[in-house]
Amino acid sequence: GGVRGAVTDDSGGVLPGVVVVATSRDEQVLGTAVTDETGSYAFNALPAGLVRLTFQLEGFAPTVDGLTIEAGTESRLDEQLTVAPVAETVIVYGRAPVDPPAPPPPPPPPAVIPVPAHDHESICGPAKPGAGAEPFGTIHSHRYETDRDLYTKDDQLTLNGGTLNGLEVGQNLVVRRHYRVSGGGAAATGEHTSGLVQVVAADERTSTAVVVYACDELRKGDFLAPFNPEPVRIPDPAGIPVFDDAARILFADAGQMLGAPRRLMVIDQGRDAGIRVGQRLTLFRRPRRSAATPAVVAEAVVVAIRADSATRAVTGACRQPTPPWNAKAAKAAKKILPLFASSAAFAFDRDVR
């Protein structure tokens, strides 16, 4: 027997070149044919029985059909092939990710020359700005972490200022900034000290400094001033307040409350008025009535002086009863000008030896 037919695609177009393989039930190949330009194929001498035809063409899905061949007869089997689905395998080769190495730690701060022993309160206290020399320069940034704005002990800083500004290696400098005094009247600006630095390298216009200690935090833009410390002194012995020679309180340090224990404040008399470091003062409130006795509330000690002002530390509550008050002292007390509508002032203690 025999079989013939035609092979087309799923649109009905003829498919030449399709390989057609005829196999028996036991997988024995009985014959092979290839479709011509019209898509036709033919097998003329196949044994009777079950025959399987396999149709194959590159780009199309293979198809298998079975039919029974009868002796002396010719059968017909047309086939339609469909386009094979496109499949693509992509293999990517790459190295496993590796964590980048940690950045090296910054080098340790350079060795600092020991700073002479001194009273830290004489440096870290507030002050009345003076008409002194121009500052040596300002803090530009941290030497390694340029995005930081606050600095503390052992930080290395880059300074805007060098040998042309009078800086030299080993020089100690006080770091300061101005702040607004709320309601301060004529003394509307105070000077806050944020710490002490030492120059460790300098060229003409820039320098490197190490923070020796911080009073609170040093900030970008703080200016540099001479280091004029006061030695640690024992305060003068207790005396009797002289109320008719009182000084006015100007202001407290930035963000601090006036008169609180261990707080530093500025008064309106200094070296030109004979004030000296270690001198005792008495904080009192002037009486509302002329014959009344002043109310003594605390005592303090001068820790730093300038020509027209002094910084003093409140050391504690009143240590002794208020001395007698007379008409002469009451008359003099009227001349004491309180700060910020407060009735507080400082009287200088007279030695009782």
Protein backbone atom coordinates (compact mmCIF):
# COMPACT_ATOMS: atom_id res chain seq x y z
CA GLY A 1 0.00 0.00 0.00
CA GLY A 2 0.89 3.69 -0.09
CA VAL A 3 0.15 7.13 1.34
CA ARG A 4 0.48 10.68 -0.01
CA GLY A 5 -0.44 14.13 1.17
CA ALA A 6 0.53 17.79 1.53
CA VAL A 7 2.03 19.78 4.40
CA THR A 8 1.05 23.39 5.12
CA ASP A 9 1.62 25.95 7.90
CA ASP A 10 -1.10 27.31 10.18
CA SER A 11 -1.90 30.02 7.62
CA GLY A 12 -2.46 27.47 4.81
CA GLY A 13 0.79 28.08 2.95
CA VAL A 14 2.60 25.06 1.53
CA LEU A 15 5.79 23.96 3.26
CA PRO A 16 8.53 22.50 1.02
CA GLY A 17 11.47 20.71 2.63
CA VAL A 18 9.49 19.00 5.40
CA VAL A 19 11.10 15.65 6.30
CA VAL A 20 8.52 12.88 6.62
CA VAL A 21 9.62 9.62 8.28
CA ALA A 22 7.48 6.46 8.19
CA THR A 23 8.07 3.98 11.04
CA SER A 24 6.44 0.71 12.04
CA ARG A 25 4.91 -0.10 15.41
CA ASP A 26 8.27 -1.49 16.59
CA GLU A 27 10.08 1.80 15.66
CA GLN A 28 11.62 0.36 12.46
CA VAL A 29 12.09 3.03 9.77
CA LEU A 30 10.08 2.09 6.68
CA GLY A 31 10.93 5.07 4.50
CA THR A 32 11.78 8.79 4.35
CA ALA A 33 10.34 11.48 2.05
CA VAL A 34 10.78 15.26 1.66
CA THR A 35 7.98 17.58 0.56
CA ASP A 36 8.48 19.25 -2.83
CA GLU A 37 7.86 22.89 -3.80
CA THR A 38 4.10 22.29 -3.53
CA GLY A 39 4.45 20.81 -0.05
CA SER A 40 3.57 17.28 -1.31
CA TYR A 41 5.06 13.97 -0.22
CA ALA A 42 4.39 10.29 -1.14
CA PHE A 43 5.20 6.73 0.05
CA ASN A 44 4.39 4.03 -2.58
CA ALA A 45 5.50 0.71 -0.99
CA LEU A 46 4.61 0.46 2.67
CA PRO A 47 3.73 -2.84 4.38
CA ALA A 48 0.14 -3.31 5.45
CA GLY A 49 -0.53 -2.43 9.06
CA LEU A 50 -0.16 0.46 11.48
CA VAL A 51 2.32 3.11 10.27
CA ARG A 52 3.43 6.24 12.11
CA LEU A 53 4.43 9.38 10.14
CA THR A 54 6.64 12.03 11.72
CA PHE A 55 6.76 15.53 10.11
CA GLN A 56 9.82 17.74 10.91
CA LEU A 57 10.94 21.17 9.69
CA GLU A 58 13.30 23.61 11.44
CA GLY A 59 11.36 26.43 13.07
CA PHE A 60 8.18 24.35 13.39
CA ALA A 61 6.97 22.02 16.10
CA PRO A 62 7.33 18.34 14.99
CA THR A 63 4.08 16.41 14.49
CA VAL A 64 3.39 12.63 14.67
CA ASP A 65 0.33 11.00 13.09
CA GLY A 66 -0.62 7.32 12.75
CA LEU A 67 -2.65 5.54 10.07
CA THR A 68 -3.41 1.95 8.90
CA ILE A 69 -2.02 0.93 5.52
CA GLU A 70 -4.07 -1.57 3.53
CA ALA A 71 -2.47 -3.75 0.86
CA GLY A 72 -3.06 -2.55 -2.71
CA THR A 73 -4.59 0.79 -1.70
CA GLU A 74 -3.29 4.37 -1.39
CA SER A 75 -4.25 6.49 1.60
CA ARG A 76 -4.05 10.31 2.00
CA LEU A 77 -2.83 12.24 5.04
CA ASP A 78 -2.46 16.03 4.97
CA GLU A 79 -0.63 17.71 7.85
CA GLN A 80 -0.42 21.27 9.24
CA LEU A 81 2.62 22.40 11.17
CA THR A 82 2.69 25.25 13.70
CA VAL A 83 5.59 27.57 14.43
CA ALA A 84 7.65 26.31 17.34
CA PRO A 85 7.69 28.57 20.44
CA VAL A 86 10.89 30.59 20.81
CA ALA A 87 12.91 29.60 23.88
CA GLU A 88 16.22 31.13 24.89
CA THR A 89 18.48 30.28 27.78
CA VAL A 90 20.86 32.95 29.01
CA ILE A 91 23.69 31.97 31.34
CA VAL A 92 25.38 34.83 33.17
CA TYR A 93 28.73 34.33 34.77
CA GLY A 94 30.01 36.76 37.39
CA ARG A 95 32.04 37.04 40.55
CA ALA A 96 30.41 36.96 43.96
CA PRO A 97 30.15 40.45 45.48
CA VAL A 98 32.94 41.44 47.81
CA ASP A 99 32.47 44.02 50.55
CA PRO A 100 34.72 47.02 49.98
CA PRO A 101 37.50 47.37 52.51
CA ALA A 102 36.78 49.59 55.47
CA PRO A 103 38.34 53.04 55.21
CA PRO A 104 41.46 53.42 57.32
CA PRO A 105 40.90 55.15 60.66
CA PRO A 106 42.11 58.74 60.91
CA PRO A 107 45.58 59.06 62.34
CA PRO A 108 45.82 59.82 66.06
CA PRO A 109 45.99 63.47 67.00
CA PRO A 110 49.47 64.97 67.06
CA ALA A 111 51.18 65.29 70.40
CA VAL A 112 50.08 68.40 72.29
CA ILE A 113 52.44 70.42 74.44
CA PRO A 114 51.13 70.35 78.03
CA VAL A 115 49.09 73.44 78.86
CA PRO A 116 50.06 75.32 82.04
CA ALA A 117 47.82 74.65 85.02
CA HIS A 118 45.10 77.27 85.22
CA ASP A 119 41.57 77.96 86.44
CA HIS A 120 39.25 76.61 83.72
CA GLU A 121 36.48 78.96 84.85
CA SER A 122 38.73 81.90 83.96
CA ILE A 123 38.67 80.61 80.35
CA CYS A 124 35.21 79.08 80.04
CA GLY A 125 33.25 81.99 81.49
CA PRO A 126 31.31 84.60 79.50
CA ALA A 127 32.70 88.07 78.93
CA LYS A 128 31.79 91.51 77.71
CA PRO A 129 33.22 91.94 74.19
CA GLY A 130 36.13 94.30 74.18
CA ALA A 131 37.74 96.51 71.57
CA GLY A 132 40.89 94.42 71.47
CA ALA A 133 43.00 93.12 68.63
CA GLU A 134 41.53 91.34 65.64
CA PRO A 135 41.05 87.58 66.11
CA PHE A 136 43.76 85.26 64.83
CA GLY A 137 41.26 83.50 62.56
CA THR A 138 38.25 81.18 62.67
CA ILE A 139 37.48 77.46 62.66
CA HIS A 140 36.99 76.32 59.07
CA SER A 141 36.12 72.61 59.50
CA HIS A 142 37.10 69.28 60.97
CA ARG A 143 40.32 68.13 59.34
CA TYR A 144 38.91 64.76 58.16
CA GLU A 145 35.11 64.96 58.60
CA THR A 146 34.34 68.19 56.77
CA ASP A 147 30.55 67.79 57.09
CA ARG A 148 30.69 68.06 60.90
CA ASP A 149 29.78 71.39 62.52
CA LEU A 150 30.42 70.59 66.23
CA TYR A 151 33.76 69.59 67.71
CA THR A 152 35.09 68.33 71.05
CA LYS A 153 38.28 67.17 72.81
CA ASP A 154 41.06 65.69 70.61
CA ASP A 155 39.33 66.68 67.34
CA GLN A 156 41.71 68.00 64.69
CA LEU A 157 40.52 71.24 63.10
CA THR A 158 41.45 73.28 60.06
CA LEU A 159 41.74 77.00 60.83
CA ASN A 160 41.30 80.01 58.58
CA GLY A 161 44.46 81.74 59.68
CA GLY A 162 48.19 81.06 59.55
CA THR A 163 51.58 82.55 60.11
CA LEU A 164 50.50 85.77 58.38
CA ASN A 165 47.88 86.13 61.16
CA GLY A 166 50.45 85.56 63.90
CA LEU A 167 49.84 81.85 64.46
CA GLU A 168 52.69 79.46 65.21
CA VAL A 169 53.07 75.80 66.17
CA GLY A 170 52.57 75.17 69.89
CA GLN A 171 50.43 78.28 70.39
CA ASN A 172 47.33 77.91 72.59
CA LEU A 173 44.20 79.79 71.53
CA VAL A 174 40.84 80.36 73.16
CA VAL A 175 37.84 79.65 70.91
CA ARG A 176 34.97 82.12 71.25
CA ARG A 177 31.75 83.28 69.62
CA HIS A 178 29.32 86.13 70.21
CA TYR A 179 25.75 85.66 71.32
CA ARG A 180 22.76 87.93 71.66
CA VAL A 181 21.84 88.97 75.18
CA SER A 182 18.07 89.08 75.48
CA GLY A 183 16.91 92.40 76.90
CA GLY A 184 20.47 93.42 77.58
CA GLY A 185 20.14 97.06 76.60
CA ALA A 186 23.55 98.58 75.92
CA ALA A 187 25.27 95.25 76.59
CA ALA A 188 23.27 93.48 73.91
CA THR A 189 26.10 91.13 72.88
CA GLY A 190 27.99 88.67 75.05
CA GLU A 191 31.13 86.67 74.36
CA HIS A 192 30.96 82.92 74.96
CA THR A 193 34.06 80.73 75.23
CA SER A 194 33.66 77.26 73.75
CA GLY A 195 37.10 75.74 74.36
CA LEU A 196 40.87 75.74 74.00
CA VAL A 197 42.92 74.60 70.98
CA GLN A 198 46.62 74.25 70.26
CA VAL A 199 48.21 74.85 66.85
CA VAL A 200 50.12 71.76 65.62
CA ALA A 201 50.87 72.83 62.02
CA ALA A 202 50.80 76.20 60.27
CA ASP A 203 51.47 77.71 56.88
CA GLU A 204 50.89 81.28 55.72
CA ARG A 205 47.09 81.24 55.52
CA THR A 206 45.82 78.02 57.13
CA SER A 207 46.66 76.00 60.22
CA THR A 208 45.81 72.74 61.94
CA ALA A 209 44.87 72.68 65.62
CA VAL A 210 43.89 70.05 68.18
CA VAL A 211 41.10 70.66 70.70
CA VAL A 212 42.76 70.57 74.13
CA TYR A 213 39.45 70.79 75.99
CA ALA A 214 35.92 71.97 75.32
CA CYS A 215 33.87 74.21 77.62
CA ASP A 216 30.78 72.92 75.79
CA GLU A 217 30.99 72.42 72.02
CA LEU A 218 33.18 74.20 69.51
CA ARG A 219 31.45 75.23 66.29
CA LYS A 220 32.39 75.98 62.71
CA GLY A 221 32.99 79.74 62.44
CA ASP A 222 34.04 80.31 66.08
CA PHE A 223 36.88 82.83 66.28
CA LEU A 224 40.31 82.50 67.89
CA ALA A 225 41.58 84.76 70.65
CA PRO A 226 44.72 84.92 72.85
CA PHE A 227 45.01 82.47 75.74
CA ASN A 228 45.38 84.50 78.95
CA PRO A 229 44.58 82.10 81.80
CA GLU A 230 44.35 82.87 85.47
CA PRO A 231 46.10 80.54 87.92
CA VAL A 232 43.99 78.66 90.43
CA ARG A 233 43.65 80.96 93.44
CA ILE A 234 42.14 80.60 96.87
CA PRO A 235 39.30 83.14 97.16
CA ASP A 236 39.69 86.06 99.53
CA PRO A 237 38.42 85.47 103.08
CA ALA A 238 34.84 86.42 103.87
CA GLY A 239 34.21 90.08 104.60
CA ILE A 240 31.38 92.56 105.06
CA PRO A 241 29.46 93.66 101.93
CA VAL A 242 29.88 97.32 100.99
CA PHE A 243 26.44 98.04 99.56
CA ASP A 244 27.23 101.63 98.55
CA ASP A 245 29.90 100.41 96.10
CA ALA A 246 27.82 97.85 94.19
CA ALA A 247 28.31 96.61 90.65
CA ARG A 248 25.60 95.85 88.14
CA ILE A 249 24.98 92.41 86.66
CA LEU A 250 25.21 92.64 82.88
CA PHE A 251 24.33 89.13 81.69
CA ALA A 252 24.82 85.39 82.20
CA ASP A 253 26.47 82.96 79.80
CA ALA A 254 24.66 81.88 76.64
CA GLY A 255 21.50 79.94 77.47
CA GLN A 256 22.05 80.13 81.26
CA MET A 257 19.91 81.57 84.04
CA LEU A 258 21.10 84.51 86.07
CA GLY A 259 22.21 83.78 89.62
CA ALA A 260 22.01 79.98 89.61
CA PRO A 261 24.71 78.21 91.71
CA ARG A 262 27.98 77.50 89.84
CA ARG A 263 26.81 79.70 86.97
CA LEU A 264 29.07 82.40 85.54
CA MET A 265 27.92 86.00 85.05
CA VAL A 266 29.45 89.28 83.92
CA ILE A 267 29.41 92.50 85.95
CA ASP A 268 30.02 96.08 84.80
CA GLN A 269 33.24 96.77 86.75
CA GLY A 270 36.69 95.42 85.99
CA ARG A 271 40.40 96.09 86.26
CA ASP A 272 39.96 99.87 85.85
CA ALA A 273 37.74 99.87 88.95
CA GLY A 274 40.28 97.93 90.99
CA ILE A 275 38.57 94.55 90.69
CA ARG A 276 40.90 91.54 91.08
CA VAL A 277 40.65 87.79 90.57
CA GLY A 278 39.67 85.95 93.76
CA GLN A 279 37.75 88.90 95.17
CA ARG A 280 34.54 88.00 96.97
CA LEU A 281 31.19 89.61 96.13
CA THR A 282 27.76 89.44 97.68
CA LEU A 283 24.64 89.14 95.52
CA PHE A 284 21.77 91.12 97.04
CA ARG A 285 18.42 92.61 96.14
CA ARG A 286 17.98 96.27 96.81
CA PRO A 287 15.11 97.20 99.14
CA ARG A 288 11.90 98.67 97.82
CA ARG A 289 11.78 101.05 100.77
CA SER A 290 14.69 103.37 101.43
CA ALA A 291 15.10 102.33 105.06
CA ALA A 292 14.72 98.62 104.42
CA THR A 293 17.60 96.17 104.73
CA PRO A 294 19.01 94.68 101.49
CA ALA A 295 18.19 90.99 100.96
CA VAL A 296 21.44 89.07 100.55
CA VAL A 297 20.80 85.98 98.42
CA ALA A 298 24.18 84.50 97.43
CA GLU A 299 27.92 84.98 97.33
CA ALA A 300 30.32 84.87 94.38
CA VAL A 301 34.01 85.04 93.50
CA VAL A 302 35.69 86.91 90.61
CA VAL A 303 37.37 84.38 88.26
CA ALA A 304 38.42 86.60 85.32
CA ILE A 305 38.72 90.33 84.64
CA ARG A 306 38.89 92.76 81.75
CA ALA A 307 39.41 96.49 81.82
CA ASP A 308 35.71 97.38 82.17
CA SER A 309 34.10 94.11 83.25
CA ALA A 310 34.66 90.94 85.23
CA THR A 311 33.40 87.37 85.21
CA ARG A 312 32.35 85.88 88.49
CA ALA A 313 31.03 82.52 89.64
CA VAL A 314 28.09 82.17 92.03
CA THR A 315 29.46 79.85 94.71
CA GLY A 316 26.38 79.32 96.88
CA ALA A 317 23.64 80.74 99.04
CA CYS A 318 24.14 83.52 101.54
CA ARG A 319 26.76 82.61 104.13
CA GLN A 320 25.99 85.23 106.81
CA PRO A 321 23.24 87.55 108.12
CA THR A 322 22.85 90.90 106.41
CA PRO A 323 24.76 93.64 108.30
CA PRO A 324 22.92 96.63 109.76
CA TRP A 325 21.42 99.06 107.28
CA ASN A 326 21.43 102.79 107.91
CA ALA A 327 20.13 105.88 106.17
CA LYS A 328 23.46 106.61 104.52
CA ALA A 329 23.66 103.13 103.01
CA ALA A 330 20.03 103.33 101.94
CA LYS A 331 20.68 106.60 100.15
CA ALA A 332 23.67 105.08 98.34
CA ALA A 333 21.66 102.01 97.38
CA LYS A 334 19.35 104.19 95.28
CA LYS A 335 22.27 104.67 92.89
CA ILE A 336 22.49 100.92 92.12
CA LEU A 337 21.01 100.20 88.70
CA PRO A 338 19.47 96.72 88.46
CA LEU A 339 19.74 94.62 85.30
CA PHE A 340 16.65 93.67 83.25
CA ALA A 341 14.26 95.20 85.81
CA SER A 342 15.75 92.85 88.43
CA SER A 343 16.64 94.16 91.87
CA ALA A 344 19.88 92.13 92.01
CA ALA A 345 23.35 93.68 92.29
CA PHE A 346 26.78 92.79 93.67
CA ALA A 347 28.44 94.39 96.67
CA PHE A 348 32.19 93.99 97.12
CA ASP A 349 33.20 92.45 100.43
CA ARG A 350 35.41 94.50 102.70
CA ASP A 351 38.13 92.61 104.53
CA VAL A 352 37.34 92.22 108.25
CA ARG A 353 40.90 91.45 109.35
